[in-house]
Amino acid sequence: MAVEDSAEIAIIGGTGVYDPELIEDAREVMVYTPYGAPSDLVTLGTYGGRSIAFIPRHGRGHQIPPHRINFRANIWALKELGVERIVASSACGSLRDDYAPGDFVITDQFIDRTRKRLDTFYEGGKICHISSADPICPQLHDFFHDHAQKLGLEVHPTGTYVCIEGPRFSTRAESKLFRQWGADIIGMTLFPECVLAREAEICYVSVAMVTDYDVWAEKPVSALEVVETMHRNSANFKGLIMEALPKIPEERTCECGEALKYALM
C-alpha cells in the first residue's frame, strides 16, 4: 500500500448504502492480512471532506454467505488503513410488533448464537479478555440516533440483536424463544464483527434496517421479501449513512480507543 492509502471512517455493508459517484478520488486497494483475504478490495476516497473506506461485507455481487465472511481479515484491513470509526450497515428481522419493516435500529446489545466463527485476534502468546458489556461505541450510537431523528426517519435507539449462524432462517420455535429472551432484532452479521472492532480499538456502530417480521409472526421469511424492503427503503438507508459521515465529530470522546487497556494478560 502507498502512504496515502488511509482513511479515518469506514463503511461496512452493501453497495446500496453509499453512492460510488459521490466519492471523490475513489480508488481500490488490496490489503493483505495475516488472516487471509478480506471480502473484497477496499474502496478509498473522500466525501464531505472526510477520508473514508468502504468494504462490501459479502463481497462484490453479494457472493459470500454470512457464515463464510472473513471477519478478522476485514477488520484487520481497516485497522491497517488507519480507520478509527466503523459504520456497519445491515438488514435485520424484527422480533417485536413495534419494530416494523422499514424502521431503523441503532443496535446496542447482541446475543451470540453462532457456532463456527473465529472471534478474536488473540489465539496465543498474549491473552485478551475484551469487555463486551457495551459492544457499541456510545458516541457513534447517540450520534446516529439523533441524526436519524433529524431526518424524520422511524428509528429505535435500543436493539438487542440475536446473531445466528445462517445462512438458514430460524425455525418458529427458535424465533419465539428469542422473543422470550427479550431480543428485539435478528440477523447474521453483527458478531464477531463488532467484537473484533473492539479488539482493534476501533469505534463501531451498527445501523440496521428492519426488512421483515421474523417467523414468530406466523409468516415464513423469504429472501425476496428482504430484498424488496431494502430496495423500497434504499434512499433512506443511503441518506442516513452518507449524510451523517461529514458530521461525525472528529474527536473521539468514548473509550473505544483504549479498549485493550484492561483486557490483556
Foldseek 3Di string as FASTA:
>chain_A
DDPPQAFAEEEEADPLQADPVQFPPWDWDFDQDPQGGAQETWIWGDHLRGTYIYDYQCHPPNPRFLLRGSLLNVLVRNVVRVYQAYEYEEEWAWLDPPQDFQEKEWEWAEDEAEDDDDQEPPDDDKAFDFDVPTLAWPLVLVLLVVLLVVVVGHYHSYFYEYAHNDPDADDLVVSVVCVVVVGTIYYHHVPPNSVHCLVSLHHYIYMYGYQYHDCPVVDHDDPVSSVVSCVVNSVVSNCSPNVCVSVRDPDRPTCSNCRRVPTID
